[in-house]
C-alpha atoms as a PDB file:
ATOM      1  CA  UNK A   1       0.112  -0.065  -0.048  1.00  0.00           C
ATOM      2  CA  UNK A   2       2.850   2.409   0.857  1.00  0.00           C
ATOM      3  CA  UNK A   3       4.430   1.786  -2.458  1.00  0.00           C
ATOM      4  CA  UNK A   4       1.060   2.568  -4.203  1.00  0.00           C
ATOM      5  CA  UNK A   5       0.683   5.886  -2.249  1.00  0.00           C
ATOM      6  CA  UNK A   6       4.377   6.803  -3.140  1.00  0.00           C
ATOM      7  CA  UNK A   7       3.496   6.467  -6.787  1.00  0.00           C
ATOM      8  CA  UNK A   8       0.495   8.623  -6.467  1.00  0.00           C
ATOM      9  CA  UNK A   9       2.311  11.222  -4.586  1.00  0.00           C
ATOM     10  CA  UNK A  10       5.196  11.366  -7.032  1.00  0.00           C
ATOM     11  CA  UNK A  11       3.256  11.378 -10.156  1.00  0.00           C
ATOM     12  CA  UNK A  12       0.047  13.194  -9.281  1.00  0.00           C
ATOM     13  CA  UNK A  13       0.854  15.400  -6.214  1.00  0.00           C
ATOM     14  CA  UNK A  14       4.347  16.286  -6.390  1.00  0.00           C
ATOM     15  CA  UNK A  15       4.903  20.065  -5.526  1.00  0.00           C
ATOM     16  CA  UNK A  16       1.232  20.794  -6.054  1.00  0.00           C
ATOM     17  CA  UNK A  17      -0.959  23.260  -4.260  1.00  0.00           C
ATOM     18  CA  UNK A  18      -4.726  22.801  -4.488  1.00  0.00           C
ATOM     19  CA  UNK A  19      -7.242  25.711  -4.402  1.00  0.00           C
ATOM     20  CA  UNK A  20      -9.544  23.682  -2.271  1.00  0.00           C
ATOM     21  CA  UNK A  21     -10.112  20.295  -0.656  1.00  0.00           C
ATOM     22  CA  UNK A  22     -12.602  19.468  -3.474  1.00  0.00           C
ATOM     23  CA  UNK A  23      -9.838  20.020  -6.013  1.00  0.00           C
ATOM     24  CA  UNK A  24      -7.426  17.732  -4.186  1.00  0.00           C
ATOM     25  CA  UNK A  25     -10.197  15.077  -3.816  1.00  0.00           C
ATOM     26  CA  UNK A  26     -10.994  15.284  -7.394  1.00  0.00           C
ATOM     27  CA  UNK A  27      -7.295  14.932  -8.368  1.00  0.00           C
ATOM     28  CA  UNK A  28      -6.924  11.865  -6.071  1.00  0.00           C
ATOM     29  CA  UNK A  29     -10.139  10.424  -7.743  1.00  0.00           C
ATOM     30  CA  UNK A  30      -8.661  10.923 -11.221  1.00  0.00           C
ATOM     31  CA  UNK A  31      -5.407   9.692 -10.155  1.00  0.00           C
ATOM     32  CA  UNK A  32      -6.751   6.465  -8.485  1.00  0.00           C
ATOM     33  CA  UNK A  33      -8.852   5.567 -11.674  1.00  0.00           C
ATOM     34  CA  UNK A  34      -5.830   6.101 -13.917  1.00  0.00           C
ATOM     35  CA  UNK A  35      -3.794   3.748 -11.596  1.00  0.00           C
ATOM     36  CA  UNK A  36      -6.599   1.283 -11.454  1.00  0.00           C
ATOM     37  CA  UNK A  37      -6.705   1.017 -15.318  1.00  0.00           C
ATOM     38  CA  UNK A  38      -3.047   0.415 -15.675  1.00  0.00           C
ATOM     39  CA  UNK A  39      -2.588  -3.148 -14.631  1.00  0.00           C
ATOM     40  CA  UNK A  40       1.065  -3.299 -15.747  1.00  0.00           C
ATOM     41  CA  UNK A  41       2.029  -0.270 -13.722  1.00  0.00           C
ATOM     42  CA  UNK A  42       0.271  -1.620 -10.530  1.00  0.00           C
ATOM     43  CA  UNK A  43       2.003  -5.028 -10.950  1.00  0.00           C
ATOM     44  CA  UNK A  44       5.355  -3.372 -11.346  1.00  0.00           C
ATOM     45  CA  UNK A  45       4.794  -1.607  -7.965  1.00  0.00           C
ATOM     46  CA  UNK A  46       3.294  -4.491  -5.906  1.00  0.00           C
ATOM     47  CA  UNK A  47       3.864  -7.678  -8.026  1.00  0.00           C
ATOM     48  CA  UNK A  48       6.945  -8.785  -6.057  1.00  0.00           C
ATOM     49  CA  UNK A  49       7.241 -12.665  -5.902  1.00  0.00           C
ATOM     50  CA  UNK A  50       6.822 -12.788  -2.097  1.00  0.00           C
ATOM     51  CA  UNK A  51       3.649 -10.862  -2.074  1.00  0.00           C
ATOM     52  CA  UNK A  52       2.228 -12.868  -4.863  1.00  0.00           C
ATOM     53  CA  UNK A  53       3.210 -16.192  -3.002  1.00  0.00           C
ATOM     54  CA  UNK A  54       1.774 -14.720   0.217  1.00  0.00           C
ATOM     55  CA  UNK A  55      -1.686 -14.053  -1.500  1.00  0.00           C
ATOM     56  CA  UNK A  56      -1.816 -17.534  -3.189  1.00  0.00           C
ATOM     57  CA  UNK A  57      -0.934 -19.636  -0.308  1.00  0.00           C
END
């Protein structure tokens, strides 16, 4: 989870100031949907062998 959050912070929130909480929440929603639709990117972040083995066993 921490690795996914780090990816979001670096790619979607790095050095940004938002005009409102609504704008921040909107950016978070857009970024999460983008991340969700990019299976290869998510797999590269969390698809480590020990994690996969832990989930399958």
